[in-house]
Amino acid sequence: MDITGALQVSLAQLIGPSAIFYALLAIGLNLHFGYAGLLNFGQIGFALLGGYGVGIMTVTYQQPLWVGILVGLAAAGLLAVVLGIPTLRLRADYLAIVTIAASEILRLIFRSTASDSITGSTNGLFGFADPFTTLSPFDSGKQYNILGVKFYGDDLWSMVVGWTLVLVLCGFVYLLTHSPWGRVLKAVREDEDAARALGKNVFVYKMQALVLGGMIGGLGGVFNALQTKSINPDFYSTAQTFFAFGALILGGAATVFGPVVGAMLFWFLLAIPDALLRQAISGPEPLLPLTEQQVGAMRFVLLGIMIAVLMVFRPQGILGNKREVQLNA
């Protein structure tokens, strides 16, 4: 078994673009779930609008890239308003049902052949990331060695931009949650009736948190579209939201860096068993009688067991505070 090779592959996932994308999704979910107590099971829908905002405006309507980014973020914010108006005055589970349904409806609409002239249907959109790539100071075809792991220039540029965004958003979340607005949001999470009795408009605070978190999710979609240089509707499945939730729970909700640490560890812990299992089934005399498809499923089983064990011994996550957030509230 090549342990060193497995660790190198896992380290690439630890700091790679995938970790950045899910960190952005988890930061938005953290505002929703961790600080406002909102159950959003459709975060990937906001990312879909962010990514397609870039693709549609630049490819279909031939607009500058910055216009596509603004449209994508605005569309994500508008979706939050549309979903929040009928649900935020009701029980928390209504928002969960509506968001997961809306994200799946959007995916099906964007992959429909009826929208082929705008969204590219199942083929998706591509050829819009050149303005982003030309800003890179790195050679696209050259490999760069980072902590013993090699990255191509385009991926390294995406990582520099992505981790900068993550740090900026962490600072933004810190300032928000340590402001009077953030303290009211926590009060709403703990006891809506008490916050309402003190004269706070609970609906408005929830809506603000939903819009901000949704736009951060949209920013994650923008980053993913620019990093992969393509958009495909089938990528934006409901499972991606639950991966982001797994990262949030792993790192710790209602913490500034919990979503980031959780996203990094999520992909690191997912990559290690994948690399080791693939080594175990390779060669003329494999150690395990598994297929490639079974290995792909087994890694998620092992990661799920790890998260379940973490929930037993540390339900608040790695960085979370048990006294502040109760996951069963």
C-alpha atoms as a PDB file:
ATOM      1  CA  MET A   1       0.000   0.000   0.000  1.00  0.00           C
ATOM      2  CA  ASP A   2       1.355   3.405  -0.986  1.00  0.00           C
ATOM      3  CA  ILE A   3       0.439   5.467   2.093  1.00  0.00           C
ATOM      4  CA  THR A   4       2.456   8.465   0.910  1.00  0.00           C
ATOM      5  CA  GLY A   5       0.648   8.550  -2.424  1.00  0.00           C
ATOM      6  CA  ALA A   6      -2.728   8.308  -0.679  1.00  0.00           C
ATOM      7  CA  LEU A   7      -1.810  11.188   1.635  1.00  0.00           C
ATOM      8  CA  GLN A   8      -0.724  13.334  -1.321  1.00  0.00           C
ATOM      9  CA  VAL A   9      -4.031  12.736  -3.091  1.00  0.00           C
ATOM     10  CA  SER A  10      -5.906  13.517   0.134  1.00  0.00           C
ATOM     11  CA  LEU A  11      -3.897  16.674   0.706  1.00  0.00           C
ATOM     12  CA  ALA A  12      -4.863  17.837  -2.783  1.00  0.00           C
ATOM     13  CA  GLN A  13      -8.507  17.477  -1.765  1.00  0.00           C
ATOM     14  CA  LEU A  14      -7.862  19.182   1.582  1.00  0.00           C
ATOM     15  CA  ILE A  15      -6.808  22.465  -0.020  1.00  0.00           C
ATOM     16  CA  GLY A  16      -8.198  21.985  -3.535  1.00  0.00           C
ATOM     17  CA  PRO A  17     -11.073  23.666  -5.384  1.00  0.00           C
ATOM     18  CA  SER A  18     -13.685  21.154  -4.176  1.00  0.00           C
ATOM     19  CA  ALA A  19     -13.031  22.074  -0.559  1.00  0.00           C
ATOM     20  CA  ILE A  20     -13.398  25.757  -1.459  1.00  0.00           C
ATOM     21  CA  PHE A  21     -16.733  25.221  -3.220  1.00  0.00           C
ATOM     22  CA  TYR A  22     -18.245  23.308  -0.319  1.00  0.00           C
ATOM     23  CA  ALA A  23     -16.761  25.745   2.194  1.00  0.00           C
ATOM     24  CA  LEU A  24     -18.652  28.550   0.432  1.00  0.00           C
ATOM     25  CA  LEU A  25     -21.867  26.522   0.481  1.00  0.00           C
ATOM     26  CA  ALA A  26     -21.346  25.674   4.152  1.00  0.00           C
ATOM     27  CA  ILE A  27     -20.657  29.297   5.125  1.00  0.00           C
ATOM     28  CA  GLY A  28     -24.030  30.238   3.653  1.00  0.00           C
ATOM     29  CA  LEU A  29     -25.696  27.314   5.427  1.00  0.00           C
ATOM     30  CA  ASN A  30     -24.009  28.399   8.636  1.00  0.00           C
ATOM     31  CA  LEU A  31     -25.813  31.739   8.466  1.00  0.00           C
ATOM     32  CA  HIS A  32     -29.061  29.892   7.831  1.00  0.00           C
ATOM     33  CA  PHE A  33     -28.833  26.979  10.216  1.00  0.00           C
ATOM     34  CA  GLY A  34     -26.113  27.879  12.701  1.00  0.00           C
ATOM     35  CA  TYR A  35     -27.037  31.483  13.438  1.00  0.00           C
ATOM     36  CA  ALA A  36     -30.698  31.820  12.375  1.00  0.00           C
ATOM     37  CA  GLY A  37     -31.966  28.279  12.920  1.00  0.00           C
ATOM     38  CA  LEU A  38     -33.293  28.007   9.343  1.00  0.00           C
ATOM     39  CA  LEU A  39     -33.407  24.564   7.731  1.00  0.00           C
ATOM     40  CA  ASN A  40     -32.359  25.103   4.124  1.00  0.00           C
ATOM     41  CA  PHE A  41     -32.078  21.821   2.227  1.00  0.00           C
ATOM     42  CA  GLY A  42     -31.761  23.514  -1.153  1.00  0.00           C
ATOM     43  CA  GLN A  43     -28.490  25.432  -0.923  1.00  0.00           C
ATOM     44  CA  ILE A  44     -27.351  23.899  -4.198  1.00  0.00           C
ATOM     45  CA  GLY A  45     -30.253  25.697  -5.909  1.00  0.00           C
ATOM     46  CA  PHE A  46     -28.679  29.044  -4.997  1.00  0.00           C
ATOM     47  CA  ALA A  47     -25.349  27.786  -6.356  1.00  0.00           C
ATOM     48  CA  LEU A  48     -27.104  26.725  -9.563  1.00  0.00           C
ATOM     49  CA  LEU A  49     -28.455  30.235 -10.105  1.00  0.00           C
ATOM     50  CA  GLY A  50     -25.053  31.752  -9.368  1.00  0.00           C
ATOM     51  CA  GLY A  51     -23.293  29.512 -11.873  1.00  0.00           C
ATOM     52  CA  TYR A  52     -25.932  29.800 -14.568  1.00  0.00           C
ATOM     53  CA  GLY A  53     -26.119  33.560 -14.067  1.00  0.00           C
ATOM     54  CA  VAL A  54     -22.506  33.690 -15.230  1.00  0.00           C
ATOM     55  CA  GLY A  55     -22.971  31.186 -18.042  1.00  0.00           C
ATOM     56  CA  ILE A  56     -26.221  32.530 -19.484  1.00  0.00           C
ATOM     57  CA  MET A  57     -25.218  36.192 -19.436  1.00  0.00           C
ATOM     58  CA  THR A  58     -21.771  35.597 -20.975  1.00  0.00           C
ATOM     59  CA  VAL A  59     -22.528  32.781 -23.451  1.00  0.00           C
ATOM     60  CA  THR A  60     -26.181  33.273 -24.379  1.00  0.00           C
ATOM     61  CA  TYR A  61     -26.398  37.060 -24.149  1.00  0.00           C
ATOM     62  CA  GLN A  62     -22.723  37.949 -24.786  1.00  0.00           C
ATOM     63  CA  GLN A  63     -22.350  40.166 -21.732  1.00  0.00           C
ATOM     64  CA  PRO A  64     -19.144  40.841 -19.760  1.00  0.00           C
ATOM     65  CA  LEU A  65     -18.184  38.364 -17.066  1.00  0.00           C
ATOM     66  CA  TRP A  66     -18.751  40.831 -14.217  1.00  0.00           C
ATOM     67  CA  VAL A  67     -22.344  41.331 -15.384  1.00  0.00           C
ATOM     68  CA  GLY A  68     -22.898  37.580 -15.228  1.00  0.00           C
ATOM     69  CA  ILE A  69     -21.495  37.447 -11.684  1.00  0.00           C
ATOM     70  CA  LEU A  70     -23.796  40.236 -10.514  1.00  0.00           C
ATOM     71  CA  VAL A  71     -26.808  38.637 -12.208  1.00  0.00           C
ATOM     72  CA  GLY A  72     -26.013  35.273 -10.620  1.00  0.00           C
ATOM     73  CA  LEU A  73     -25.766  36.771  -7.135  1.00  0.00           C
ATOM     74  CA  ALA A  74     -28.922  38.823  -7.659  1.00  0.00           C
ATOM     75  CA  ALA A  75     -30.815  35.740  -8.865  1.00  0.00           C
ATOM     76  CA  ALA A  76     -29.734  33.810  -5.756  1.00  0.00           C
ATOM     77  CA  GLY A  77     -30.916  36.656  -3.532  1.00  0.00           C
ATOM     78  CA  LEU A  78     -34.221  36.873  -5.394  1.00  0.00           C
ATOM     79  CA  LEU A  79     -34.781  33.127  -4.969  1.00  0.00           C
ATOM     80  CA  ALA A  80     -34.283  33.529  -1.217  1.00  0.00           C
ATOM     81  CA  VAL A  81     -36.932  36.266  -1.122  1.00  0.00           C
ATOM     82  CA  VAL A  82     -39.386  34.218  -3.203  1.00  0.00           C
ATOM     83  CA  LEU A  83     -38.931  31.153  -0.995  1.00  0.00           C
ATOM     84  CA  GLY A  84     -38.868  33.072   2.272  1.00  0.00           C
ATOM     85  CA  ILE A  85     -42.053  35.125   1.890  1.00  0.00           C
ATOM     86  CA  PRO A  86     -44.487  32.173   2.136  1.00  0.00           C
ATOM     87  CA  THR A  87     -42.460  29.995   4.533  1.00  0.00           C
ATOM     88  CA  LEU A  88     -40.594  32.054   7.132  1.00  0.00           C
ATOM     89  CA  ARG A  89     -43.769  32.819   9.100  1.00  0.00           C
ATOM     90  CA  LEU A  90     -44.478  29.072   9.373  1.00  0.00           C
ATOM     91  CA  ARG A  91     -42.701  26.179  11.098  1.00  0.00           C
ATOM     92  CA  ALA A  92     -39.061  25.480  10.232  1.00  0.00           C
ATOM     93  CA  ASP A  93     -39.822  22.267   8.357  1.00  0.00           C
ATOM     94  CA  TYR A  94     -41.849  24.156   5.730  1.00  0.00           C
ATOM     95  CA  LEU A  95     -38.731  26.029   4.632  1.00  0.00           C
ATOM     96  CA  ALA A  96     -36.833  22.738   4.400  1.00  0.00           C
ATOM     97  CA  ILE A  97     -39.523  21.204   2.194  1.00  0.00           C
ATOM     98  CA  VAL A  98     -39.799  24.259  -0.062  1.00  0.00           C
ATOM     99  CA  THR A  99     -36.051  24.739  -0.543  1.00  0.00           C
ATOM    100  CA  ILE A 100     -35.312  21.116  -1.423  1.00  0.00           C
ATOM    101  CA  ALA A 101     -38.238  21.093  -3.867  1.00  0.00           C
ATOM    102  CA  ALA A 102     -37.219  24.423  -5.420  1.00  0.00           C
ATOM    103  CA  SER A 103     -33.631  23.323  -6.016  1.00  0.00           C
ATOM    104  CA  GLU A 104     -34.776  20.154  -7.760  1.00  0.00           C
ATOM    105  CA  ILE A 105     -37.353  22.051  -9.830  1.00  0.00           C
ATOM    106  CA  LEU A 106     -34.683  24.500 -10.958  1.00  0.00           C
ATOM    107  CA  ARG A 107     -32.340  21.663 -11.926  1.00  0.00           C
ATOM    108  CA  LEU A 108     -35.033  20.002 -14.024  1.00  0.00           C
ATOM    109  CA  ILE A 109     -36.002  23.285 -15.685  1.00  0.00           C
ATOM    110  CA  PHE A 110     -32.416  24.143 -16.585  1.00  0.00           C
ATOM    111  CA  ARG A 111     -31.763  20.670 -18.044  1.00  0.00           C
ATOM    112  CA  SER A 112     -35.027  20.605 -19.986  1.00  0.00           C
ATOM    113  CA  THR A 113     -34.781  20.585 -23.783  1.00  0.00           C
ATOM    114  CA  ALA A 114     -37.326  23.416 -23.824  1.00  0.00           C
ATOM    115  CA  SER A 115     -34.657  25.720 -22.356  1.00  0.00           C
ATOM    116  CA  ASP A 116     -31.851  24.496 -24.627  1.00  0.00           C
ATOM    117  CA  SER A 117     -31.424  27.844 -26.399  1.00  0.00           C
ATOM    118  CA  ILE A 118     -30.737  29.575 -23.065  1.00  0.00           C
ATOM    119  CA  THR A 119     -29.239  27.005 -20.705  1.00  0.00           C
ATOM    120  CA  GLY A 120     -27.768  24.458 -23.122  1.00  0.00           C
ATOM    121  CA  SER A 121     -30.053  21.776 -21.649  1.00  0.00           C
ATOM    122  CA  THR A 122     -28.186  18.598 -20.632  1.00  0.00           C
ATOM    123  CA  ASN A 123     -25.051  19.746 -22.471  1.00  0.00           C
ATOM    124  CA  GLY A 124     -24.741  22.771 -20.199  1.00  0.00           C
ATOM    125  CA  LEU A 125     -22.672  25.844 -20.973  1.00  0.00           C
ATOM    126  CA  PHE A 126     -18.951  26.393 -21.446  1.00  0.00           C
ATOM    127  CA  GLY A 127     -16.473  28.836 -22.940  1.00  0.00           C
ATOM    128  CA  PHE A 128     -17.191  31.707 -20.544  1.00  0.00           C
ATOM    129  CA  ALA A 129     -14.214  31.531 -18.163  1.00  0.00           C
ATOM    130  CA  ASP A 130     -11.537  33.029 -20.440  1.00  0.00           C
ATOM    131  CA  PRO A 131     -11.673  36.530 -18.852  1.00  0.00           C
ATOM    132  CA  PHE A 132     -11.095  34.894 -15.442  1.00  0.00           C
ATOM    133  CA  THR A 133      -8.275  32.671 -16.697  1.00  0.00           C
ATOM    134  CA  THR A 134      -6.443  35.522 -18.442  1.00  0.00           C
ATOM    135  CA  LEU A 135      -6.066  37.290 -15.083  1.00  0.00           C
ATOM    136  CA  SER A 136      -4.017  34.363 -13.757  1.00  0.00           C
ATOM    137  CA  PRO A 137      -0.322  35.033 -13.064  1.00  0.00           C
ATOM    138  CA  PHE A 138       0.338  31.286 -13.388  1.00  0.00           C
ATOM    139  CA  ASP A 139       1.090  29.330 -16.562  1.00  0.00           C
ATOM    140  CA  SER A 140      -1.993  27.244 -17.414  1.00  0.00           C
ATOM    141  CA  GLY A 141      -0.048  24.241 -18.682  1.00  0.00           C
ATOM    142  CA  LYS A 142       2.614  24.262 -15.973  1.00  0.00           C
ATOM    143  CA  GLN A 143       2.472  22.223 -12.773  1.00  0.00           C
ATOM    144  CA  TYR A 144       3.315  23.876  -9.469  1.00  0.00           C
ATOM    145  CA  ASN A 145       4.398  22.011  -6.340  1.00  0.00           C
ATOM    146  CA  ILE A 146       2.450  23.041  -3.223  1.00  0.00           C
ATOM    147  CA  LEU A 147       3.228  21.102  -0.027  1.00  0.00           C
ATOM    148  CA  GLY A 148       4.356  18.143  -2.103  1.00  0.00           C
ATOM    149  CA  VAL A 149       1.209  18.189  -4.241  1.00  0.00           C
ATOM    150  CA  LYS A 150       1.214  19.296  -7.876  1.00  0.00           C
ATOM    151  CA  PHE A 151      -1.453  21.656  -9.207  1.00  0.00           C
ATOM    152  CA  TYR A 152      -1.855  23.051 -12.689  1.00  0.00           C
ATOM    153  CA  GLY A 153      -1.704  26.810 -13.069  1.00  0.00           C
ATOM    154  CA  ASP A 154      -5.441  27.245 -13.655  1.00  0.00           C
ATOM    155  CA  ASP A 155      -6.325  25.254 -10.526  1.00  0.00           C
ATOM    156  CA  LEU A 156      -3.745  27.155  -8.485  1.00  0.00           C
ATOM    157  CA  TRP A 157      -5.217  30.479  -9.640  1.00  0.00           C
ATOM    158  CA  SER A 158      -8.694  29.268  -8.691  1.00  0.00           C
ATOM    159  CA  MET A 159      -7.388  28.239  -5.274  1.00  0.00           C
ATOM    160  CA  VAL A 160      -5.786  31.629  -4.658  1.00  0.00           C
ATOM    161  CA  VAL A 161      -9.015  33.438  -5.564  1.00  0.00           C
ATOM    162  CA  GLY A 162     -11.210  30.895  -3.779  1.00  0.00           C
ATOM    163  CA  TRP A 163      -9.374  30.849  -0.460  1.00  0.00           C
ATOM    164  CA  THR A 164      -9.221  34.644  -0.535  1.00  0.00           C
ATOM    165  CA  LEU A 165     -13.014  34.702  -0.923  1.00  0.00           C
ATOM    166  CA  VAL A 166     -13.380  32.221   1.932  1.00  0.00           C
ATOM    167  CA  LEU A 167     -11.218  34.333   4.267  1.00  0.00           C
ATOM    168  CA  VAL A 168     -13.066  37.522   3.330  1.00  0.00           C
ATOM    169  CA  LEU A 169     -16.423  35.860   3.963  1.00  0.00           C
ATOM    170  CA  CYS A 170     -15.220  34.479   7.295  1.00  0.00           C
ATOM    171  CA  GLY A 171     -14.293  38.020   8.319  1.00  0.00           C
ATOM    172  CA  PHE A 172     -17.677  39.233   7.074  1.00  0.00           C
ATOM    173  CA  VAL A 173     -19.516  36.567   9.084  1.00  0.00           C
ATOM    174  CA  TYR A 174     -17.442  37.385  12.174  1.00  0.00           C
ATOM    175  CA  LEU A 175     -18.327  41.073  11.964  1.00  0.00           C
ATOM    176  CA  LEU A 176     -21.994  40.296  11.336  1.00  0.00           C
ATOM    177  CA  THR A 177     -22.387  37.825  14.173  1.00  0.00           C
ATOM    178  CA  HIS A 178     -20.583  40.069  16.670  1.00  0.00           C
ATOM    179  CA  SER A 179     -22.760  43.043  15.796  1.00  0.00           C
ATOM    180  CA  PRO A 180     -26.171  43.906  17.290  1.00  0.00           C
ATOM    181  CA  TRP A 181     -27.746  42.341  14.191  1.00  0.00           C
ATOM    182  CA  GLY A 182     -25.976  39.054  14.860  1.00  0.00           C
ATOM    183  CA  ARG A 183     -26.994  39.030  18.504  1.00  0.00           C
ATOM    184  CA  VAL A 184     -30.631  39.541  17.549  1.00  0.00           C
ATOM    185  CA  LEU A 185     -30.318  36.719  15.012  1.00  0.00           C
ATOM    186  CA  LYS A 186     -29.071  34.370  17.728  1.00  0.00           C
ATOM    187  CA  ALA A 187     -31.948  35.464  19.946  1.00  0.00           C
ATOM    188  CA  VAL A 188     -34.384  34.633  17.148  1.00  0.00           C
ATOM    189  CA  ARG A 189     -32.765  31.217  16.802  1.00  0.00           C
ATOM    190  CA  GLU A 190     -33.070  30.512  20.525  1.00  0.00           C
ATOM    191  CA  ASP A 191     -36.601  31.839  21.127  1.00  0.00           C
ATOM    192  CA  GLU A 192     -38.646  33.619  18.462  1.00  0.00           C
ATOM    193  CA  ASP A 193     -41.404  34.577  20.894  1.00  0.00           C
ATOM    194  CA  ALA A 194     -38.976  36.236  23.297  1.00  0.00           C
ATOM    195  CA  ALA A 195     -37.338  38.199  20.458  1.00  0.00           C
ATOM    196  CA  ARG A 196     -40.769  39.231  19.169  1.00  0.00           C
ATOM    197  CA  ALA A 197     -41.814  40.338  22.662  1.00  0.00           C
ATOM    198  CA  LEU A 198     -38.805  42.667  22.724  1.00  0.00           C
ATOM    199  CA  GLY A 199     -40.072  44.394  19.586  1.00  0.00           C
ATOM    200  CA  LYS A 200     -37.875  42.672  17.017  1.00  0.00           C
ATOM    201  CA  ASN A 201     -39.319  41.864  13.604  1.00  0.00           C
ATOM    202  CA  VAL A 202     -38.462  38.159  13.491  1.00  0.00           C
ATOM    203  CA  PHE A 203     -39.600  37.728   9.880  1.00  0.00           C
ATOM    204  CA  VAL A 204     -37.312  40.493   8.623  1.00  0.00           C
ATOM    205  CA  TYR A 205     -34.265  39.100  10.444  1.00  0.00           C
ATOM    206  CA  LYS A 206     -34.922  35.621   9.097  1.00  0.00           C
ATOM    207  CA  MET A 207     -35.354  36.984   5.585  1.00  0.00           C
ATOM    208  CA  GLN A 208     -32.105  38.936   5.804  1.00  0.00           C
ATOM    209  CA  ALA A 209     -30.233  35.824   6.954  1.00  0.00           C
ATOM    210  CA  LEU A 210     -31.829  33.726   4.213  1.00  0.00           C
ATOM    211  CA  VAL A 211     -30.878  36.236   1.501  1.00  0.00           C
ATOM    212  CA  LEU A 212     -27.300  36.653   2.738  1.00  0.00           C
ATOM    213  CA  GLY A 213     -26.717  32.917   3.067  1.00  0.00           C
ATOM    214  CA  GLY A 214     -28.329  32.285  -0.323  1.00  0.00           C
ATOM    215  CA  MET A 215     -26.117  34.861  -2.024  1.00  0.00           C
ATOM    216  CA  ILE A 216     -23.035  33.271  -0.444  1.00  0.00           C
ATOM    217  CA  GLY A 217     -24.245  29.963  -1.881  1.00  0.00           C
ATOM    218  CA  GLY A 218     -24.655  31.724  -5.231  1.00  0.00           C
ATOM    219  CA  LEU A 219     -21.072  32.940  -4.940  1.00  0.00           C
ATOM    220  CA  GLY A 220     -20.050  29.321  -4.468  1.00  0.00           C
ATOM    221  CA  GLY A 221     -21.812  28.514  -7.737  1.00  0.00           C
ATOM    222  CA  VAL A 222     -19.977  31.361  -9.481  1.00  0.00           C
ATOM    223  CA  PHE A 223     -16.642  30.071  -8.188  1.00  0.00           C
ATOM    224  CA  ASN A 224     -17.388  26.500  -9.268  1.00  0.00           C
ATOM    225  CA  ALA A 225     -18.414  27.615 -12.755  1.00  0.00           C
ATOM    226  CA  LEU A 226     -15.233  29.648 -13.245  1.00  0.00           C
ATOM    227  CA  GLN A 227     -13.016  26.939 -11.788  1.00  0.00           C
ATOM    228  CA  THR A 228     -14.431  24.071 -13.847  1.00  0.00           C
ATOM    229  CA  LYS A 229     -14.999  26.353 -16.892  1.00  0.00           C
ATOM    230  CA  SER A 230     -18.323  24.641 -17.523  1.00  0.00           C
ATOM    231  CA  ILE A 231     -21.828  24.297 -16.120  1.00  0.00           C
ATOM    232  CA  ASN A 232     -23.846  21.090 -16.203  1.00  0.00           C
ATOM    233  CA  PRO A 233     -27.313  20.899 -14.592  1.00  0.00           C
ATOM    234  CA  ASP A 234     -26.855  17.321 -13.374  1.00  0.00           C
ATOM    235  CA  PHE A 235     -24.050  18.441 -11.064  1.00  0.00           C
ATOM    236  CA  TYR A 236     -26.494  20.532  -9.029  1.00  0.00           C
ATOM    237  CA  SER A 237     -28.214  17.612  -7.333  1.00  0.00           C
ATOM    238  CA  THR A 238     -29.675  17.552  -3.849  1.00  0.00           C
ATOM    239  CA  ALA A 239     -26.762  15.428  -2.631  1.00  0.00           C
ATOM    240  CA  GLN A 240     -24.441  18.444  -2.911  1.00  0.00           C
ATOM    241  CA  THR A 241     -26.462  20.285  -0.258  1.00  0.00           C
ATOM    242  CA  PHE A 242     -26.152  17.355   2.118  1.00  0.00           C
ATOM    243  CA  PHE A 243     -22.399  17.216   1.505  1.00  0.00           C
ATOM    244  CA  ALA A 244     -22.268  20.873   2.555  1.00  0.00           C
ATOM    245  CA  PHE A 245     -24.400  20.083   5.617  1.00  0.00           C
ATOM    246  CA  GLY A 246     -22.017  17.245   6.450  1.00  0.00           C
ATOM    247  CA  ALA A 247     -19.104  19.671   6.261  1.00  0.00           C
ATOM    248  CA  LEU A 248     -20.948  22.169   8.483  1.00  0.00           C
ATOM    249  CA  ILE A 249     -21.794  19.565  11.111  1.00  0.00           C
ATOM    250  CA  LEU A 250     -18.260  18.161  10.991  1.00  0.00           C
ATOM    251  CA  GLY A 251     -16.643  21.556  11.551  1.00  0.00           C
ATOM    252  CA  GLY A 252     -19.241  22.970  13.910  1.00  0.00           C
ATOM    253  CA  ALA A 253     -22.276  25.172  13.293  1.00  0.00           C
ATOM    254  CA  ALA A 254     -22.477  28.750  14.607  1.00  0.00           C
ATOM    255  CA  THR A 255     -18.698  29.171  14.392  1.00  0.00           C
ATOM    256  CA  VAL A 256     -16.793  31.359  11.983  1.00  0.00           C
ATOM    257  CA  PHE A 257     -14.246  28.814  10.768  1.00  0.00           C
ATOM    258  CA  GLY A 258     -16.253  25.648  11.434  1.00  0.00           C
ATOM    259  CA  PRO A 259     -17.683  25.430   7.889  1.00  0.00           C
ATOM    260  CA  VAL A 260     -14.218  25.908   6.377  1.00  0.00           C
ATOM    261  CA  VAL A 261     -12.504  23.323   8.573  1.00  0.00           C
ATOM    262  CA  GLY A 262     -15.414  20.957   8.029  1.00  0.00           C
ATOM    263  CA  ALA A 263     -15.276  21.268   4.229  1.00  0.00           C
ATOM    264  CA  MET A 264     -11.535  20.640   4.209  1.00  0.00           C
ATOM    265  CA  LEU A 265     -11.798  17.603   6.490  1.00  0.00           C
ATOM    266  CA  PHE A 266     -14.841  16.289   4.609  1.00  0.00           C
ATOM    267  CA  TRP A 267     -12.906  15.939   1.362  1.00  0.00           C
ATOM    268  CA  PHE A 268      -9.699  14.872   3.099  1.00  0.00           C
ATOM    269  CA  LEU A 269     -11.495  12.042   4.921  1.00  0.00           C
ATOM    270  CA  LEU A 270     -13.335  11.134   1.723  1.00  0.00           C
ATOM    271  CA  ALA A 271     -10.128  10.956  -0.321  1.00  0.00           C
ATOM    272  CA  ILE A 272      -8.047   8.787   2.040  1.00  0.00           C
ATOM    273  CA  PRO A 273     -10.245   5.645   1.972  1.00  0.00           C
ATOM    274  CA  ASP A 274     -10.880   6.162  -1.735  1.00  0.00           C
ATOM    275  CA  ALA A 275      -7.145   6.186  -2.526  1.00  0.00           C
ATOM    276  CA  LEU A 276      -6.382   3.216  -0.239  1.00  0.00           C
ATOM    277  CA  LEU A 277      -9.317   1.130  -1.478  1.00  0.00           C
ATOM    278  CA  ARG A 278      -8.410   1.757  -5.118  1.00  0.00           C
ATOM    279  CA  GLN A 279      -4.886   0.557  -4.374  1.00  0.00           C
ATOM    280  CA  ALA A 280      -6.336  -2.518  -2.650  1.00  0.00           C
ATOM    281  CA  ILE A 281      -8.388  -3.548  -5.707  1.00  0.00           C
ATOM    282  CA  SER A 282      -5.675  -2.884  -8.298  1.00  0.00           C
ATOM    283  CA  GLY A 283      -3.077  -5.271  -9.646  1.00  0.00           C
ATOM    284  CA  PRO A 284      -3.242  -8.912 -10.703  1.00  0.00           C
ATOM    285  CA  GLU A 285      -3.920 -10.083  -7.114  1.00  0.00           C
ATOM    286  CA  PRO A 286      -6.183  -7.480  -5.471  1.00  0.00           C
ATOM    287  CA  LEU A 287      -6.520  -7.467  -1.704  1.00  0.00           C
ATOM    288  CA  LEU A 288     -10.265  -6.777  -1.799  1.00  0.00           C
ATOM    289  CA  PRO A 289     -12.895  -8.187  -4.202  1.00  0.00           C
ATOM    290  CA  LEU A 290     -14.513  -4.826  -4.919  1.00  0.00           C
ATOM    291  CA  THR A 291     -15.414  -3.047  -8.142  1.00  0.00           C
ATOM    292  CA  GLU A 292     -14.740   0.606  -8.943  1.00  0.00           C
ATOM    293  CA  GLN A 293     -18.412   1.437  -8.324  1.00  0.00           C
ATOM    294  CA  GLN A 294     -18.357  -0.312  -4.948  1.00  0.00           C
ATOM    295  CA  VAL A 295     -15.270   1.631  -3.912  1.00  0.00           C
ATOM    296  CA  GLY A 296     -17.028   4.883  -4.801  1.00  0.00           C
ATOM    297  CA  ALA A 297     -19.941   3.926  -2.562  1.00  0.00           C
ATOM    298  CA  MET A 298     -17.791   2.484   0.238  1.00  0.00           C
ATOM    299  CA  ARG A 299     -15.908   5.738   0.794  1.00  0.00           C
ATOM    300  CA  PHE A 300     -19.183   7.525   1.559  1.00  0.00           C
ATOM    301  CA  VAL A 301     -20.203   4.700   3.908  1.00  0.00           C
ATOM    302  CA  LEU A 302     -16.933   5.037   5.839  1.00  0.00           C
ATOM    303  CA  LEU A 303     -17.221   8.830   5.974  1.00  0.00           C
ATOM    304  CA  GLY A 304     -20.814   8.524   7.178  1.00  0.00           C
ATOM    305  CA  ILE A 305     -19.702   6.227   9.990  1.00  0.00           C
ATOM    306  CA  MET A 306     -17.041   8.765  11.000  1.00  0.00           C
ATOM    307  CA  ILE A 307     -19.605  11.594  11.130  1.00  0.00           C
ATOM    308  CA  ALA A 308     -22.033   9.381  13.086  1.00  0.00           C
ATOM    309  CA  VAL A 309     -19.329   8.602  15.648  1.00  0.00           C
ATOM    310  CA  LEU A 310     -18.511  12.307  15.878  1.00  0.00           C
ATOM    311  CA  MET A 311     -22.194  13.067  16.547  1.00  0.00           C
ATOM    312  CA  VAL A 312     -22.143  10.604  19.446  1.00  0.00           C
ATOM    313  CA  PHE A 313     -19.027  11.927  21.162  1.00  0.00           C
ATOM    314  CA  ARG A 314     -18.995  15.563  20.007  1.00  0.00           C
ATOM    315  CA  PRO A 315     -22.393  16.571  18.577  1.00  0.00           C
ATOM    316  CA  GLN A 316     -21.402  20.241  18.321  1.00  0.00           C
ATOM    317  CA  GLY A 317     -18.673  19.439  15.794  1.00  0.00           C
ATOM    318  CA  ILE A 318     -14.932  19.997  15.991  1.00  0.00           C
ATOM    319  CA  LEU A 319     -15.006  23.756  16.653  1.00  0.00           C
ATOM    320  CA  GLY A 320     -18.600  24.082  17.877  1.00  0.00           C
ATOM    321  CA  ASN A 321     -19.852  25.138  21.292  1.00  0.00           C
ATOM    322  CA  LYS A 322     -22.374  22.672  22.706  1.00  0.00           C
ATOM    323  CA  ARG A 323     -23.951  25.284  24.947  1.00  0.00           C
ATOM    324  CA  GLU A 324     -24.667  27.621  22.030  1.00  0.00           C
ATOM    325  CA  VAL A 325     -26.160  25.295  19.418  1.00  0.00           C
ATOM    326  CA  GLN A 326     -28.271  22.215  20.037  1.00  0.00           C
ATOM    327  CA  LEU A 327     -28.606  20.260  16.793  1.00  0.00           C
ATOM    328  CA  ASN A 328     -31.872  18.697  17.954  1.00  0.00           C
ATOM    329  CA  ALA A 329     -33.515  22.040  18.753  1.00  0.00           C
END
